[in-house]
């Protein structure tokens, strides 16, 4: 942890999105203050027939739509966080693990440190949502339907994020066998530079 000064509240990891069912919907969320959400290309794309890059772009757009509706500033994708999120998503798929830490992986904080995202030092915080769903839109709806995962999407302090997405899902109970699911990771973070 050289060059990193943690002066913030304890880092909190988010629990798994527990209700990963096909029909869950967060419901309509009206815009506030005249802000309207953009239509997101690929939001209803089937993960098994869509390139990961398109799935990731749809998640990014949908997350920023939710932040816009809630009056929060938009977050921007950061290369290092994208790499951490994508690598973890591939590990979850390969290892049949739907968790924040799968076999052979270091804990999330160490993965973020290794990415170089925190090289400037200072304080930082992060949160992670994971899950499986039949489309990017369904995945974001599932996250928005649960208090713990919704807080990660909408936390005011977050400025940066990374997204991982692949077709197929781990063979776990939450990811229904035979459904055209994809596996998703949303990594949200903020950082300050050393004074």
Protein backbone atom coordinates (compact mmCIF):
# COMPACT_ATOMS: atom_id res chain seq x y z
CA UNK A 1 0.00 0.00 0.00
CA UNK A 2 2.88 2.34 -0.67
CA UNK A 3 1.86 5.83 -1.69
CA UNK A 4 -1.69 5.41 -0.42
CA UNK A 5 -2.98 7.24 2.62
CA UNK A 6 -6.37 6.01 3.69
CA UNK A 7 -8.06 8.72 5.66
CA UNK A 8 -11.64 7.84 4.89
CA UNK A 9 -14.28 5.68 6.47
CA UNK A 10 -13.68 1.96 6.25
CA UNK A 11 -13.98 0.60 2.77
CA UNK A 12 -17.24 -1.19 2.31
CA UNK A 13 -17.93 -3.96 -0.14
CA UNK A 14 -21.45 -4.48 -1.23
CA UNK A 15 -23.40 -7.68 -0.77
CA UNK A 16 -24.42 -9.67 -3.82
CA UNK A 17 -27.52 -8.62 -5.67
CA UNK A 18 -29.70 -11.29 -4.09
CA UNK A 19 -32.81 -11.07 -6.20
CA UNK A 20 -31.47 -12.06 -9.59
CA UNK A 21 -34.76 -13.08 -11.12
CA UNK A 22 -35.81 -12.39 -14.67
CA UNK A 23 -38.92 -10.41 -13.85
CA UNK A 24 -37.56 -7.96 -11.28
CA UNK A 25 -38.06 -4.35 -12.24
CA UNK A 26 -37.17 -1.21 -10.37
CA UNK A 27 -40.22 0.47 -11.85
CA UNK A 28 -40.48 3.90 -13.37
CA UNK A 29 -38.15 6.51 -11.98
CA UNK A 30 -39.24 9.96 -13.11
CA UNK A 31 -36.59 12.50 -13.97
CA UNK A 32 -35.89 15.30 -11.53
CA UNK A 33 -35.22 18.93 -12.19
CA UNK A 34 -35.99 18.63 -15.89
CA UNK A 35 -33.17 16.15 -16.46
CA UNK A 36 -34.03 13.32 -18.81
CA UNK A 37 -32.28 10.04 -19.36
CA UNK A 38 -30.68 9.10 -22.65
CA UNK A 39 -31.69 6.01 -24.59
CA UNK A 40 -28.91 3.45 -24.25
CA UNK A 41 -27.80 1.45 -27.28
CA UNK A 42 -27.74 -2.26 -26.50
CA UNK A 43 -29.67 -1.98 -23.22
CA UNK A 44 -31.90 -4.94 -24.16
CA UNK A 45 -29.23 -6.93 -26.00
CA UNK A 46 -28.86 -10.60 -25.18
CA UNK A 47 -25.47 -11.09 -23.49
CA UNK A 48 -24.89 -14.42 -25.22
CA UNK A 49 -25.19 -12.82 -28.69
CA UNK A 50 -23.53 -9.46 -28.00
CA UNK A 51 -19.91 -8.38 -27.79
CA UNK A 52 -18.75 -7.52 -24.25
CA UNK A 53 -17.81 -3.99 -25.31
CA UNK A 54 -21.40 -3.22 -26.32
CA UNK A 55 -22.73 -4.69 -23.07
CA UNK A 56 -20.29 -2.56 -21.04
CA UNK A 57 -21.30 0.61 -22.92
CA UNK A 58 -24.97 -0.10 -22.23
CA UNK A 59 -24.31 -0.57 -18.49
CA UNK A 60 -22.32 2.69 -18.40
CA UNK A 61 -25.17 4.57 -20.07
CA UNK A 62 -27.85 3.02 -17.84
CA UNK A 63 -25.89 3.77 -14.64
CA UNK A 64 -25.47 7.41 -15.64
CA UNK A 65 -29.18 7.57 -16.49
CA UNK A 66 -29.99 6.44 -12.94
CA UNK A 67 -27.63 9.05 -11.53
CA UNK A 68 -29.20 11.74 -13.73
CA UNK A 69 -32.70 10.80 -12.53
CA UNK A 70 -31.49 11.10 -8.94
CA UNK A 71 -29.81 14.45 -9.47
CA UNK A 72 -26.28 13.04 -9.05
CA UNK A 73 -23.32 13.97 -11.20
CA UNK A 74 -22.33 11.59 -13.96
CA UNK A 75 -19.48 9.18 -13.39
CA UNK A 76 -16.80 8.57 -15.98
CA UNK A 77 -15.21 5.31 -17.03
CA UNK A 78 -11.59 4.88 -15.99
CA UNK A 79 -9.30 2.43 -17.80
CA UNK A 80 -7.84 0.88 -14.64
CA UNK A 81 -11.27 0.26 -13.11
CA UNK A 82 -12.57 -1.16 -16.40
CA UNK A 83 -9.66 -3.61 -16.42
CA UNK A 84 -10.28 -4.68 -12.80
CA UNK A 85 -14.03 -5.11 -13.42
CA UNK A 86 -13.57 -7.00 -16.69
CA UNK A 87 -10.96 -9.36 -15.28
CA UNK A 88 -13.14 -10.16 -12.26
CA UNK A 89 -16.16 -10.78 -14.50
CA UNK A 90 -14.18 -13.28 -16.57
CA UNK A 91 -12.96 -15.02 -13.39
CA UNK A 92 -16.52 -15.30 -12.06
CA UNK A 93 -17.64 -16.87 -15.33
CA UNK A 94 -14.67 -19.24 -15.61
CA UNK A 95 -14.71 -20.33 -11.94
CA UNK A 96 -18.51 -20.60 -11.62
CA UNK A 97 -18.31 -18.07 -8.80
CA UNK A 98 -20.74 -15.23 -8.24
CA UNK A 99 -18.88 -13.35 -5.53
CA UNK A 100 -16.71 -10.36 -4.79
CA UNK A 101 -13.68 -12.63 -4.43
CA UNK A 102 -13.35 -15.87 -6.37
CA UNK A 103 -10.76 -18.66 -5.99
CA UNK A 104 -7.25 -17.49 -6.85
CA UNK A 105 -8.08 -13.77 -6.67
CA UNK A 106 -6.85 -11.23 -4.14
CA UNK A 107 -9.50 -9.16 -2.38
CA UNK A 108 -11.01 -6.26 -4.31
CA UNK A 109 -9.01 -3.51 -2.62
CA UNK A 110 -5.74 -5.21 -3.57
CA UNK A 111 -6.91 -5.60 -7.17
CA UNK A 112 -7.67 -1.87 -7.31
CA UNK A 113 -4.27 -0.99 -5.82
CA UNK A 114 -2.48 -3.22 -8.33
CA UNK A 115 -4.33 -1.54 -11.21
CA UNK A 116 -2.57 1.78 -10.64
CA UNK A 117 -5.83 3.67 -10.03
CA UNK A 118 -4.53 4.87 -6.65
CA UNK A 119 -0.97 5.73 -7.66
CA UNK A 120 -1.42 9.43 -6.84
CA UNK A 121 -1.97 8.58 -3.17
CA UNK A 122 -4.54 10.30 -1.00
CA UNK A 123 -7.90 9.03 0.19
CA UNK A 124 -10.24 6.75 -1.70
CA UNK A 125 -13.38 4.70 -1.52
CA UNK A 126 -15.07 2.12 -3.70
CA UNK A 127 -18.00 -0.23 -4.02
CA UNK A 128 -18.82 -3.14 -6.28
CA UNK A 129 -22.04 -4.60 -7.65
CA UNK A 130 -22.07 -7.97 -9.37
CA UNK A 131 -24.75 -10.17 -10.85
CA UNK A 132 -26.19 -12.05 -13.78
CA UNK A 133 -29.14 -11.04 -15.96
CA UNK A 134 -30.62 -11.44 -19.45
CA UNK A 135 -29.70 -7.90 -20.56
CA UNK A 136 -27.83 -4.82 -19.34
CA UNK A 137 -31.16 -3.11 -18.60
CA UNK A 138 -32.34 -6.03 -16.45
CA UNK A 139 -29.03 -6.04 -14.58
CA UNK A 140 -29.32 -2.34 -13.70
CA UNK A 141 -32.98 -2.82 -12.74
CA UNK A 142 -31.96 -5.60 -10.36
CA UNK A 143 -29.27 -3.40 -8.80
CA UNK A 144 -31.72 -0.51 -8.45
CA UNK A 145 -34.34 -2.76 -6.81
CA UNK A 146 -32.07 -3.59 -3.84
CA UNK A 147 -31.14 -0.92 -1.28
CA UNK A 148 -27.52 -2.03 -0.87
CA UNK A 149 -26.73 -2.19 -4.58
CA UNK A 150 -28.75 0.94 -5.40
CA UNK A 151 -26.60 2.89 -2.91
CA UNK A 152 -23.51 1.89 -4.88
CA UNK A 153 -25.01 3.14 -8.14
CA UNK A 154 -26.19 6.43 -6.63
CA UNK A 155 -23.53 7.28 -4.04
CA UNK A 156 -22.84 10.98 -4.43
CA UNK A 157 -19.10 10.79 -3.80
CA UNK A 158 -18.34 8.33 -6.59
CA UNK A 159 -16.74 9.97 -9.65
CA UNK A 160 -15.23 7.04 -11.56
CA UNK A 161 -16.32 3.59 -12.56
CA UNK A 162 -15.44 0.46 -14.47
CA UNK A 163 -17.67 -2.19 -16.00
CA UNK A 164 -17.15 -5.86 -16.78
CA UNK A 165 -19.59 -7.86 -18.91
CA UNK A 166 -19.44 -11.26 -20.59
CA UNK A 167 -21.97 -13.61 -22.15
CA UNK A 168 -22.88 -16.65 -20.09
CA UNK A 169 -23.13 -16.94 -16.34
CA UNK A 170 -21.65 -18.92 -13.46
CA UNK A 171 -23.43 -22.16 -12.65
CA UNK A 172 -24.89 -20.94 -9.39
CA UNK A 173 -28.46 -20.90 -8.12
CA UNK A 174 -28.99 -17.18 -8.76
CA UNK A 175 -28.14 -17.50 -12.44
CA UNK A 176 -30.94 -19.62 -13.86
CA UNK A 177 -29.68 -22.58 -15.87
CA UNK A 178 -30.70 -22.48 -19.51
CA UNK A 179 -31.39 -18.73 -19.53
CA UNK A 180 -29.40 -16.47 -21.87
CA UNK A 181 -27.69 -14.71 -18.97
CA UNK A 182 -24.63 -12.52 -18.91
CA UNK A 183 -22.31 -11.84 -15.98
CA UNK A 184 -21.75 -8.22 -14.93
CA UNK A 185 -19.51 -6.24 -12.58
CA UNK A 186 -19.89 -2.55 -11.74
CA UNK A 187 -16.96 -1.02 -9.86
CA UNK A 188 -17.55 2.53 -8.57
CA UNK A 189 -14.84 4.61 -6.92
CA UNK A 190 -13.49 8.01 -5.94
CA UNK A 191 -9.98 9.18 -5.11
CA UNK A 192 -8.19 12.32 -3.97
CA UNK A 193 -4.61 13.17 -4.75
CA UNK A 194 -2.02 13.51 -2.03
CA UNK A 195 -1.81 17.21 -1.00
